[in-house]
């Protein structure tokens, strides 16, 4: 079993949301807020509206943030090839953290020209162990394999994603040392169960797999996302910030689902969307309105106003 490099998230107790529910005050608990240098935002259910569009208001807010000297990172569970929805809206460095922290991708160049800057893969031996342990703990689980440039799945895996898989085969065959795509890093394994409650499946998966991998979820269905040990949105964001000399206190983060919890806990300021999962609300230090009401833009506009 091989561990990836680990970055431990800072821990803190989330502060209670201010009244009204939108917590964008320049002060929390009477202490002055550090001016932000980086905004880290999830995409689906957060920056994107439910129709997967980026609203004109949000586009303008992102541009204003970078014009004010605040870097913007898209931090998502999506693979790089699903980043076309925001490729036209990148500014400055144009980097995104994809696959729940498994890869950092340069979005410049547009669709089809994305370049992997950093990869934090899931070792094949860890992947095989995780698949076997989860099969034993939750019979009926089916799998898909996400790699840097390929997507493969088991025949019984449902059509949940945007594309047709490159290969259909049992996960153990896909993950074999000489299996299809063996020359590419594994970014994450997707595990789907047709009957279990999503949160119960997440708890079961984490107990079954232990430290062999990181398990989270971002879908409303019982779909788990399995990454390398210590790999998360938070740990990869921390690496990127350290490279830029940015502290966690200088980061403002946004999210809506359990795969955002570590990032929201790590960031100096964090906002749960109005449509967020209860675990996200508990982890964040503030709240904003729902994704369909441009909750990210609402906060960014206030942040920019506070800097003037």
C-alpha atoms as a PDB file:
ATOM      1  CA  UNK A   1       0.000   0.000   0.000  1.00  0.00           C
ATOM      2  CA  UNK A   2       1.419   3.411  -0.960  1.00  0.00           C
ATOM      3  CA  UNK A   3       0.392   6.685   0.655  1.00  0.00           C
ATOM      4  CA  UNK A   4       0.208   9.954  -1.202  1.00  0.00           C
ATOM      5  CA  UNK A   5       1.795  13.045   0.284  1.00  0.00           C
ATOM      6  CA  UNK A   6      -0.386  14.284   3.105  1.00  0.00           C
ATOM      7  CA  UNK A   7      -1.420  17.808   4.021  1.00  0.00           C
ATOM      8  CA  UNK A   8      -3.346  18.108   7.251  1.00  0.00           C
ATOM      9  CA  UNK A   9      -6.200  20.589   7.253  1.00  0.00           C
ATOM     10  CA  UNK A  10      -6.321  23.130  10.025  1.00  0.00           C
ATOM     11  CA  UNK A  11      -9.194  22.487  12.400  1.00  0.00           C
ATOM     12  CA  UNK A  12     -11.435  25.064  13.960  1.00  0.00           C
ATOM     13  CA  UNK A  13     -14.932  25.276  15.283  1.00  0.00           C
ATOM     14  CA  UNK A  14     -17.285  26.918  12.776  1.00  0.00           C
ATOM     15  CA  UNK A  15     -18.707  30.168  13.994  1.00  0.00           C
ATOM     16  CA  UNK A  16     -22.492  30.481  14.157  1.00  0.00           C
ATOM     17  CA  UNK A  17     -24.070  32.103  11.117  1.00  0.00           C
ATOM     18  CA  UNK A  18     -24.847  35.778  11.514  1.00  0.00           C
ATOM     19  CA  UNK A  19     -28.364  37.111  11.224  1.00  0.00           C
ATOM     20  CA  UNK A  20     -29.593  37.521   8.560  1.00  0.00           C
ATOM     21  CA  UNK A  21     -28.496  34.145   7.092  1.00  0.00           C
ATOM     22  CA  UNK A  22     -26.105  35.777   4.594  1.00  0.00           C
ATOM     23  CA  UNK A  23     -22.902  36.130   6.644  1.00  0.00           C
ATOM     24  CA  UNK A  24     -20.701  38.557   4.745  1.00  0.00           C
ATOM     25  CA  UNK A  25     -19.825  41.016   7.481  1.00  0.00           C
ATOM     26  CA  UNK A  26     -16.217  42.253   7.418  1.00  0.00           C
ATOM     27  CA  UNK A  27     -15.975  41.092  11.021  1.00  0.00           C
ATOM     28  CA  UNK A  28     -16.882  37.810  12.714  1.00  0.00           C
ATOM     29  CA  UNK A  29     -16.966  37.460  16.467  1.00  0.00           C
ATOM     30  CA  UNK A  30     -15.606  40.985  16.817  1.00  0.00           C
ATOM     31  CA  UNK A  31     -12.233  40.062  15.268  1.00  0.00           C
ATOM     32  CA  UNK A  32     -11.093  41.754  12.054  1.00  0.00           C
ATOM     33  CA  UNK A  33     -11.076  39.538   8.962  1.00  0.00           C
ATOM     34  CA  UNK A  34      -7.829  39.042   7.050  1.00  0.00           C
ATOM     35  CA  UNK A  35      -8.125  40.435   3.537  1.00  0.00           C
ATOM     36  CA  UNK A  36      -8.575  37.574   1.064  1.00  0.00           C
ATOM     37  CA  UNK A  37      -5.945  36.697  -1.507  1.00  0.00           C
ATOM     38  CA  UNK A  38      -7.650  33.628  -2.959  1.00  0.00           C
ATOM     39  CA  UNK A  39     -11.222  32.478  -3.569  1.00  0.00           C
ATOM     40  CA  UNK A  40     -11.775  28.719  -3.797  1.00  0.00           C
ATOM     41  CA  UNK A  41     -15.173  27.693  -5.129  1.00  0.00           C
ATOM     42  CA  UNK A  42     -16.851  24.411  -5.862  1.00  0.00           C
ATOM     43  CA  UNK A  43     -18.785  24.240  -9.140  1.00  0.00           C
ATOM     44  CA  UNK A  44     -21.918  22.040  -9.172  1.00  0.00           C
ATOM     45  CA  UNK A  45     -24.489  23.259  -6.688  1.00  0.00           C
ATOM     46  CA  UNK A  46     -22.257  26.206  -5.789  1.00  0.00           C
ATOM     47  CA  UNK A  47     -20.879  28.432  -8.558  1.00  0.00           C
ATOM     48  CA  UNK A  48     -23.054  26.846 -11.268  1.00  0.00           C
ATOM     49  CA  UNK A  49     -26.802  27.158 -11.384  1.00  0.00           C
ATOM     50  CA  UNK A  50     -28.830  23.952 -11.565  1.00  0.00           C
ATOM     51  CA  UNK A  51     -28.878  24.179 -15.375  1.00  0.00           C
ATOM     52  CA  UNK A  52     -25.028  24.101 -15.222  1.00  0.00           C
ATOM     53  CA  UNK A  53     -24.712  27.673 -16.474  1.00  0.00           C
ATOM     54  CA  UNK A  54     -22.539  30.441 -15.052  1.00  0.00           C
ATOM     55  CA  UNK A  55     -24.752  33.496 -14.635  1.00  0.00           C
ATOM     56  CA  UNK A  56     -23.668  36.882 -16.041  1.00  0.00           C
ATOM     57  CA  UNK A  57     -23.583  38.222 -12.493  1.00  0.00           C
ATOM     58  CA  UNK A  58     -21.201  35.448 -11.420  1.00  0.00           C
ATOM     59  CA  UNK A  59     -18.977  35.936 -14.480  1.00  0.00           C
ATOM     60  CA  UNK A  60     -18.700  39.639 -13.621  1.00  0.00           C
ATOM     61  CA  UNK A  61     -17.952  38.879  -9.962  1.00  0.00           C
ATOM     62  CA  UNK A  62     -15.148  36.442 -10.830  1.00  0.00           C
ATOM     63  CA  UNK A  63     -13.574  38.977 -13.197  1.00  0.00           C
ATOM     64  CA  UNK A  64     -13.842  41.719 -10.574  1.00  0.00           C
ATOM     65  CA  UNK A  65     -12.169  39.522  -7.963  1.00  0.00           C
ATOM     66  CA  UNK A  66      -9.130  38.841 -10.129  1.00  0.00           C
ATOM     67  CA  UNK A  67      -8.984  42.476 -11.218  1.00  0.00           C
ATOM     68  CA  UNK A  68      -8.808  43.338  -7.509  1.00  0.00           C
ATOM     69  CA  UNK A  69      -5.845  40.993  -7.098  1.00  0.00           C
ATOM     70  CA  UNK A  70      -7.735  38.022  -5.620  1.00  0.00           C
ATOM     71  CA  UNK A  71      -6.923  34.724  -7.332  1.00  0.00           C
ATOM     72  CA  UNK A  72      -9.832  32.407  -8.142  1.00  0.00           C
ATOM     73  CA  UNK A  73      -9.508  28.630  -8.008  1.00  0.00           C
ATOM     74  CA  UNK A  74     -12.249  26.315  -9.218  1.00  0.00           C
ATOM     75  CA  UNK A  75     -12.141  23.313  -6.851  1.00  0.00           C
ATOM     76  CA  UNK A  76     -14.368  20.478  -8.013  1.00  0.00           C
ATOM     77  CA  UNK A  77     -15.019  16.777  -8.064  1.00  0.00           C
ATOM     78  CA  UNK A  78     -15.338  16.980 -11.846  1.00  0.00           C
ATOM     79  CA  UNK A  79     -12.682  15.471 -14.113  1.00  0.00           C
ATOM     80  CA  UNK A  80     -10.666  17.840 -16.279  1.00  0.00           C
ATOM     81  CA  UNK A  81     -12.658  17.033 -19.411  1.00  0.00           C
ATOM     82  CA  UNK A  82     -15.847  18.330 -17.759  1.00  0.00           C
ATOM     83  CA  UNK A  83     -14.338  21.769 -17.138  1.00  0.00           C
ATOM     84  CA  UNK A  84     -15.477  23.294 -20.423  1.00  0.00           C
ATOM     85  CA  UNK A  85     -18.363  24.935 -18.561  1.00  0.00           C
ATOM     86  CA  UNK A  86     -15.912  27.322 -16.868  1.00  0.00           C
ATOM     87  CA  UNK A  87     -13.000  27.330 -19.329  1.00  0.00           C
ATOM     88  CA  UNK A  88     -14.264  30.516 -20.958  1.00  0.00           C
ATOM     89  CA  UNK A  89     -14.350  32.296 -17.586  1.00  0.00           C
ATOM     90  CA  UNK A  90     -10.805  31.723 -16.338  1.00  0.00           C
ATOM     91  CA  UNK A  91      -8.623  34.708 -15.700  1.00  0.00           C
ATOM     92  CA  UNK A  92      -5.079  35.129 -14.408  1.00  0.00           C
ATOM     93  CA  UNK A  93      -3.417  31.766 -13.805  1.00  0.00           C
ATOM     94  CA  UNK A  94      -6.412  29.735 -15.061  1.00  0.00           C
ATOM     95  CA  UNK A  95      -5.841  26.779 -12.747  1.00  0.00           C
ATOM     96  CA  UNK A  96      -8.477  24.391 -11.408  1.00  0.00           C
ATOM     97  CA  UNK A  97      -8.336  21.597  -8.843  1.00  0.00           C
ATOM     98  CA  UNK A  98     -10.219  18.618 -10.286  1.00  0.00           C
ATOM     99  CA  UNK A  99     -11.226  15.152  -9.126  1.00  0.00           C
ATOM    100  CA  UNK A 100     -11.578  16.198  -5.465  1.00  0.00           C
ATOM    101  CA  UNK A 101      -7.915  17.164  -5.314  1.00  0.00           C
ATOM    102  CA  UNK A 102      -6.488  14.404  -7.505  1.00  0.00           C
ATOM    103  CA  UNK A 103      -5.275  16.844 -10.181  1.00  0.00           C
ATOM    104  CA  UNK A 104      -4.438  20.483 -10.765  1.00  0.00           C
ATOM    105  CA  UNK A 105      -5.251  21.471 -14.339  1.00  0.00           C
ATOM    106  CA  UNK A 106      -4.345  24.494 -16.476  1.00  0.00           C
ATOM    107  CA  UNK A 107      -7.552  25.473 -18.273  1.00  0.00           C
ATOM    108  CA  UNK A 108      -5.896  27.898 -20.692  1.00  0.00           C
ATOM    109  CA  UNK A 109      -6.282  26.859 -24.314  1.00  0.00           C
ATOM    110  CA  UNK A 110      -9.914  25.860 -23.986  1.00  0.00           C
ATOM    111  CA  UNK A 111     -11.635  22.491 -24.497  1.00  0.00           C
ATOM    112  CA  UNK A 112      -9.299  19.683 -25.449  1.00  0.00           C
ATOM    113  CA  UNK A 113      -6.172  21.640 -24.507  1.00  0.00           C
ATOM    114  CA  UNK A 114      -6.242  21.279 -20.727  1.00  0.00           C
ATOM    115  CA  UNK A 115      -2.833  20.474 -19.216  1.00  0.00           C
ATOM    116  CA  UNK A 116      -2.209  18.525 -16.001  1.00  0.00           C
ATOM    117  CA  UNK A 117       0.041  20.550 -13.690  1.00  0.00           C
ATOM    118  CA  UNK A 118      -0.095  18.239 -10.656  1.00  0.00           C
ATOM    119  CA  UNK A 119      -1.421  14.684 -10.234  1.00  0.00           C
ATOM    120  CA  UNK A 120      -2.022  12.986  -6.871  1.00  0.00           C
ATOM    121  CA  UNK A 121      -3.070   9.521  -7.952  1.00  0.00           C
ATOM    122  CA  UNK A 122      -4.680   6.533  -6.296  1.00  0.00           C
ATOM    123  CA  UNK A 123      -2.204   3.640  -6.379  1.00  0.00           C
ATOM    124  CA  UNK A 124      -3.560   0.543  -8.122  1.00  0.00           C
ATOM    125  CA  UNK A 125      -2.916  -1.675  -5.115  1.00  0.00           C
ATOM    126  CA  UNK A 126      -4.903   0.708  -2.916  1.00  0.00           C
ATOM    127  CA  UNK A 127      -7.686   0.837  -5.508  1.00  0.00           C
ATOM    128  CA  UNK A 128      -7.954  -2.957  -5.713  1.00  0.00           C
ATOM    129  CA  UNK A 129      -8.055  -3.259  -1.921  1.00  0.00           C
ATOM    130  CA  UNK A 130     -10.708  -0.569  -1.610  1.00  0.00           C
ATOM    131  CA  UNK A 131     -12.917  -2.167  -4.271  1.00  0.00           C
ATOM    132  CA  UNK A 132     -12.719  -5.578  -2.597  1.00  0.00           C
ATOM    133  CA  UNK A 133     -13.399  -4.275   0.896  1.00  0.00           C
ATOM    134  CA  UNK A 134     -16.362  -2.191  -0.240  1.00  0.00           C
ATOM    135  CA  UNK A 135     -17.803  -5.116  -2.237  1.00  0.00           C
ATOM    136  CA  UNK A 136     -17.710  -7.212   0.941  1.00  0.00           C
ATOM    137  CA  UNK A 137     -19.226  -4.457   3.085  1.00  0.00           C
ATOM    138  CA  UNK A 138     -21.926  -3.441   0.591  1.00  0.00           C
ATOM    139  CA  UNK A 139     -22.833  -6.258  -1.833  1.00  0.00           C
ATOM    140  CA  UNK A 140     -24.281  -4.882  -5.052  1.00  0.00           C
ATOM    141  CA  UNK A 141     -21.795  -2.003  -5.321  1.00  0.00           C
ATOM    142  CA  UNK A 142     -20.671  -1.316  -8.897  1.00  0.00           C
ATOM    143  CA  UNK A 143     -17.660   0.711 -10.024  1.00  0.00           C
ATOM    144  CA  UNK A 144     -16.207   3.112 -12.558  1.00  0.00           C
ATOM    145  CA  UNK A 145     -12.561   4.153 -12.905  1.00  0.00           C
ATOM    146  CA  UNK A 146     -11.541   7.748 -13.630  1.00  0.00           C
ATOM    147  CA  UNK A 147      -8.054   8.274 -15.063  1.00  0.00           C
ATOM    148  CA  UNK A 148      -6.246  11.292 -16.460  1.00  0.00           C
ATOM    149  CA  UNK A 149      -7.415  10.649 -20.011  1.00  0.00           C
ATOM    150  CA  UNK A 150      -9.774   7.690 -19.751  1.00  0.00           C
ATOM    151  CA  UNK A 151     -13.054   6.623 -18.169  1.00  0.00           C
ATOM    152  CA  UNK A 152     -13.907   2.940 -17.661  1.00  0.00           C
ATOM    153  CA  UNK A 153     -16.752   1.162 -15.886  1.00  0.00           C
ATOM    154  CA  UNK A 154     -18.299  -2.145 -15.006  1.00  0.00           C
ATOM    155  CA  UNK A 155     -21.176  -3.369 -17.231  1.00  0.00           C
ATOM    156  CA  UNK A 156     -23.733  -2.939 -14.426  1.00  0.00           C
ATOM    157  CA  UNK A 157     -22.658   0.620 -13.577  1.00  0.00           C
ATOM    158  CA  UNK A 158     -25.579   2.954 -14.453  1.00  0.00           C
ATOM    159  CA  UNK A 159     -25.428   5.783 -16.966  1.00  0.00           C
ATOM    160  CA  UNK A 160     -24.712   8.597 -14.503  1.00  0.00           C
ATOM    161  CA  UNK A 161     -22.164  10.615 -16.428  1.00  0.00           C
ATOM    162  CA  UNK A 162     -21.822  12.669 -19.581  1.00  0.00           C
ATOM    163  CA  UNK A 163     -19.935  10.220 -21.777  1.00  0.00           C
ATOM    164  CA  UNK A 164     -19.801   6.635 -22.964  1.00  0.00           C
ATOM    165  CA  UNK A 165     -17.057   4.700 -21.145  1.00  0.00           C
ATOM    166  CA  UNK A 166     -13.958   3.701 -23.084  1.00  0.00           C
ATOM    167  CA  UNK A 167     -14.173   0.103 -21.813  1.00  0.00           C
ATOM    168  CA  UNK A 168     -16.677  -2.107 -19.972  1.00  0.00           C
ATOM    169  CA  UNK A 169     -15.105  -4.708 -17.653  1.00  0.00           C
ATOM    170  CA  UNK A 170     -15.066  -5.806 -13.991  1.00  0.00           C
ATOM    171  CA  UNK A 171     -13.206  -3.335 -11.766  1.00  0.00           C
ATOM    172  CA  UNK A 172     -10.613  -5.931 -10.765  1.00  0.00           C
ATOM    173  CA  UNK A 173      -9.763  -6.405 -14.448  1.00  0.00           C
ATOM    174  CA  UNK A 174      -9.646  -2.668 -15.089  1.00  0.00           C
ATOM    175  CA  UNK A 175      -7.353  -2.156 -12.106  1.00  0.00           C
ATOM    176  CA  UNK A 176      -4.960  -5.040 -12.848  1.00  0.00           C
ATOM    177  CA  UNK A 177      -1.283  -4.061 -13.360  1.00  0.00           C
ATOM    178  CA  UNK A 178      -1.633  -4.870 -17.056  1.00  0.00           C
ATOM    179  CA  UNK A 179      -5.241  -3.657 -17.312  1.00  0.00           C
ATOM    180  CA  UNK A 180      -6.615  -1.150 -19.767  1.00  0.00           C
ATOM    181  CA  UNK A 181      -5.140   2.293 -19.187  1.00  0.00           C
ATOM    182  CA  UNK A 182      -2.368   0.892 -16.988  1.00  0.00           C
ATOM    183  CA  UNK A 183      -0.036   3.576 -18.353  1.00  0.00           C
ATOM    184  CA  UNK A 184      -2.231   6.353 -16.876  1.00  0.00           C
ATOM    185  CA  UNK A 185      -2.620   7.471 -13.241  1.00  0.00           C
ATOM    186  CA  UNK A 186      -5.900   6.656 -11.518  1.00  0.00           C
ATOM    187  CA  UNK A 187      -7.526   9.837 -10.250  1.00  0.00           C
ATOM    188  CA  UNK A 188     -10.472   8.253  -8.463  1.00  0.00           C
ATOM    189  CA  UNK A 189     -12.827   5.282  -8.295  1.00  0.00           C
ATOM    190  CA  UNK A 190     -16.586   5.840  -8.389  1.00  0.00           C
ATOM    191  CA  UNK A 191     -18.681   3.375  -6.377  1.00  0.00           C
ATOM    192  CA  UNK A 192     -22.448   3.263  -6.836  1.00  0.00           C
ATOM    193  CA  UNK A 193     -25.055   1.374  -4.832  1.00  0.00           C
ATOM    194  CA  UNK A 194     -28.654   1.179  -6.111  1.00  0.00           C
ATOM    195  CA  UNK A 195     -30.376   0.884  -2.724  1.00  0.00           C
ATOM    196  CA  UNK A 196     -28.377   2.373   0.153  1.00  0.00           C
ATOM    197  CA  UNK A 197     -28.947   5.809   1.665  1.00  0.00           C
ATOM    198  CA  UNK A 198     -26.182   8.114   0.382  1.00  0.00           C
ATOM    199  CA  UNK A 199     -24.928   9.246   3.798  1.00  0.00           C
ATOM    200  CA  UNK A 200     -25.137   5.713   5.214  1.00  0.00           C
ATOM    201  CA  UNK A 201     -23.144   4.440   2.226  1.00  0.00           C
ATOM    202  CA  UNK A 202     -20.498   7.094   2.858  1.00  0.00           C
ATOM    203  CA  UNK A 203     -20.137   6.080   6.509  1.00  0.00           C
ATOM    204  CA  UNK A 204     -20.018   2.393   5.576  1.00  0.00           C
ATOM    205  CA  UNK A 205     -17.412   3.001   2.888  1.00  0.00           C
ATOM    206  CA  UNK A 206     -15.127   4.984   5.175  1.00  0.00           C
ATOM    207  CA  UNK A 207     -15.304   2.313   7.874  1.00  0.00           C
ATOM    208  CA  UNK A 208     -14.668  -0.506   5.402  1.00  0.00           C
ATOM    209  CA  UNK A 209     -11.752   1.063   3.532  1.00  0.00           C
ATOM    210  CA  UNK A 210     -10.047   2.896   6.387  1.00  0.00           C
ATOM    211  CA  UNK A 211      -6.767   4.650   5.558  1.00  0.00           C
ATOM    212  CA  UNK A 212      -6.253   2.864   2.251  1.00  0.00           C
ATOM    213  CA  UNK A 213      -8.061   5.694   0.459  1.00  0.00           C
ATOM    214  CA  UNK A 214     -10.031   8.899   0.971  1.00  0.00           C
ATOM    215  CA  UNK A 215     -13.781   8.539   0.447  1.00  0.00           C
ATOM    216  CA  UNK A 216     -16.311  11.315  -0.020  1.00  0.00           C
ATOM    217  CA  UNK A 217     -19.431  12.093  -2.013  1.00  0.00           C
ATOM    218  CA  UNK A 218     -20.935  14.984  -3.962  1.00  0.00           C
ATOM    219  CA  UNK A 219     -23.926  13.387  -5.675  1.00  0.00           C
ATOM    220  CA  UNK A 220     -27.494  13.217  -4.355  1.00  0.00           C
ATOM    221  CA  UNK A 221     -27.427   9.485  -5.128  1.00  0.00           C
ATOM    222  CA  UNK A 222     -25.448   6.747  -3.323  1.00  0.00           C
ATOM    223  CA  UNK A 223     -22.285   7.458  -5.315  1.00  0.00           C
ATOM    224  CA  UNK A 224     -18.955   7.454  -3.491  1.00  0.00           C
ATOM    225  CA  UNK A 225     -15.746   9.016  -4.813  1.00  0.00           C
ATOM    226  CA  UNK A 226     -12.559   7.200  -3.779  1.00  0.00           C
ATOM    227  CA  UNK A 227      -9.195   8.997  -4.000  1.00  0.00           C
ATOM    228  CA  UNK A 228      -5.658   8.388  -2.780  1.00  0.00           C
ATOM    229  CA  UNK A 229      -4.864   8.509   0.960  1.00  0.00           C
ATOM    230  CA  UNK A 230      -4.816  12.090   2.178  1.00  0.00           C
ATOM    231  CA  UNK A 231      -6.085  13.454  -1.145  1.00  0.00           C
ATOM    232  CA  UNK A 232      -8.908  15.961  -0.846  1.00  0.00           C
ATOM    233  CA  UNK A 233      -9.921  19.369  -2.103  1.00  0.00           C
ATOM    234  CA  UNK A 234      -8.465  20.826   1.096  1.00  0.00           C
ATOM    235  CA  UNK A 235      -5.065  19.139   0.965  1.00  0.00           C
ATOM    236  CA  UNK A 236      -4.437  19.991  -2.690  1.00  0.00           C
ATOM    237  CA  UNK A 237      -5.659  23.546  -2.193  1.00  0.00           C
ATOM    238  CA  UNK A 238      -3.263  23.827   0.756  1.00  0.00           C
ATOM    239  CA  UNK A 239      -0.383  22.695  -1.472  1.00  0.00           C
ATOM    240  CA  UNK A 240      -1.298  25.263  -4.135  1.00  0.00           C
ATOM    241  CA  UNK A 241      -1.593  28.024  -1.549  1.00  0.00           C
ATOM    242  CA  UNK A 242       1.744  27.115   0.051  1.00  0.00           C
ATOM    243  CA  UNK A 243       3.404  27.392  -3.369  1.00  0.00           C
ATOM    244  CA  UNK A 244       2.028  30.943  -3.610  1.00  0.00           C
ATOM    245  CA  UNK A 245       2.793  32.007  -0.048  1.00  0.00           C
ATOM    246  CA  UNK A 246      -0.920  32.237   0.764  1.00  0.00           C
ATOM    247  CA  UNK A 247      -2.068  31.247   4.256  1.00  0.00           C
ATOM    248  CA  UNK A 248      -5.360  29.541   4.985  1.00  0.00           C
ATOM    249  CA  UNK A 249      -6.532  32.738   6.718  1.00  0.00           C
ATOM    250  CA  UNK A 250      -6.312  34.509   3.343  1.00  0.00           C
ATOM    251  CA  UNK A 251      -8.624  31.993   1.603  1.00  0.00           C
ATOM    252  CA  UNK A 252     -12.386  32.324   1.162  1.00  0.00           C
ATOM    253  CA  UNK A 253     -14.100  29.047   0.175  1.00  0.00           C
ATOM    254  CA  UNK A 254     -17.572  28.072  -1.035  1.00  0.00           C
ATOM    255  CA  UNK A 255     -19.279  24.672  -1.190  1.00  0.00           C
ATOM    256  CA  UNK A 256     -22.456  22.660  -0.855  1.00  0.00           C
ATOM    257  CA  UNK A 257     -21.712  18.928  -0.432  1.00  0.00           C
ATOM    258  CA  UNK A 258     -19.699  16.588   1.839  1.00  0.00           C
ATOM    259  CA  UNK A 259     -16.679  16.631  -0.490  1.00  0.00           C
ATOM    260  CA  UNK A 260     -16.343  20.341   0.367  1.00  0.00           C
ATOM    261  CA  UNK A 261     -16.279  19.933   4.163  1.00  0.00           C
ATOM    262  CA  UNK A 262     -12.494  19.684   4.618  1.00  0.00           C
ATOM    263  CA  UNK A 263     -11.902  22.678   2.346  1.00  0.00           C
ATOM    264  CA  UNK A 264     -14.471  24.789   4.174  1.00  0.00           C
ATOM    265  CA  UNK A 265     -12.961  23.839   7.535  1.00  0.00           C
ATOM    266  CA  UNK A 266      -9.428  24.660   6.342  1.00  0.00           C
ATOM    267  CA  UNK A 267     -10.182  28.059   4.792  1.00  0.00           C
ATOM    268  CA  UNK A 268     -10.020  31.187   6.916  1.00  0.00           C
ATOM    269  CA  UNK A 269     -13.522  32.130   5.789  1.00  0.00           C
ATOM    270  CA  UNK A 270     -16.018  29.741   4.266  1.00  0.00           C
ATOM    271  CA  UNK A 271     -19.588  29.845   3.070  1.00  0.00           C
ATOM    272  CA  UNK A 272     -22.196  27.111   2.842  1.00  0.00           C
ATOM    273  CA  UNK A 273     -24.658  27.651   0.032  1.00  0.00           C
ATOM    274  CA  UNK A 274     -28.339  28.091   0.826  1.00  0.00           C
ATOM    275  CA  UNK A 275     -28.884  24.669  -0.759  1.00  0.00           C
ATOM    276  CA  UNK A 276     -26.025  22.993   1.162  1.00  0.00           C
ATOM    277  CA  UNK A 277     -25.925  19.582   2.843  1.00  0.00           C
ATOM    278  CA  UNK A 278     -26.246  19.816   6.669  1.00  0.00           C
ATOM    279  CA  UNK A 279     -22.618  18.685   7.144  1.00  0.00           C
ATOM    280  CA  UNK A 280     -21.493  21.617   5.003  1.00  0.00           C
ATOM    281  CA  UNK A 281     -23.557  24.099   7.005  1.00  0.00           C
ATOM    282  CA  UNK A 282     -21.943  22.768  10.193  1.00  0.00           C
ATOM    283  CA  UNK A 283     -18.416  23.032   8.724  1.00  0.00           C
ATOM    284  CA  UNK A 284     -18.613  26.522   7.217  1.00  0.00           C
ATOM    285  CA  UNK A 285     -18.032  29.751   9.130  1.00  0.00           C
ATOM    286  CA  UNK A 286     -20.779  31.581   7.225  1.00  0.00           C
ATOM    287  CA  UNK A 287     -23.737  31.122   4.895  1.00  0.00           C
ATOM    288  CA  UNK A 288     -24.864  32.642   1.648  1.00  0.00           C
ATOM    289  CA  UNK A 289     -27.917  32.210  -0.556  1.00  0.00           C
ATOM    290  CA  UNK A 290     -28.474  29.291  -2.939  1.00  0.00           C
ATOM    291  CA  UNK A 291     -26.549  28.608  -6.134  1.00  0.00           C
ATOM    292  CA  UNK A 292     -29.562  29.570  -8.276  1.00  0.00           C
ATOM    293  CA  UNK A 293     -29.579  32.948  -6.514  1.00  0.00           C
ATOM    294  CA  UNK A 294     -25.875  33.604  -7.287  1.00  0.00           C
ATOM    295  CA  UNK A 295     -24.739  33.025  -3.709  1.00  0.00           C
ATOM    296  CA  UNK A 296     -21.030  33.071  -4.620  1.00  0.00           C
ATOM    297  CA  UNK A 297     -21.368  36.350  -6.530  1.00  0.00           C
ATOM    298  CA  UNK A 298     -23.269  37.938  -3.640  1.00  0.00           C
ATOM    299  CA  UNK A 299     -20.338  37.309  -1.281  1.00  0.00           C
ATOM    300  CA  UNK A 300     -17.641  38.270  -3.796  1.00  0.00           C
ATOM    301  CA  UNK A 301     -19.375  41.590  -4.476  1.00  0.00           C
ATOM    302  CA  UNK A 302     -19.337  42.309  -0.732  1.00  0.00           C
ATOM    303  CA  UNK A 303     -15.687  41.278  -0.454  1.00  0.00           C
ATOM    304  CA  UNK A 304     -14.709  43.584  -3.313  1.00  0.00           C
ATOM    305  CA  UNK A 305     -16.705  46.419  -1.745  1.00  0.00           C
ATOM    306  CA  UNK A 306     -14.921  45.921   1.592  1.00  0.00           C
ATOM    307  CA  UNK A 307     -11.529  46.269  -0.141  1.00  0.00           C
ATOM    308  CA  UNK A 308     -12.382  49.628  -1.739  1.00  0.00           C
END
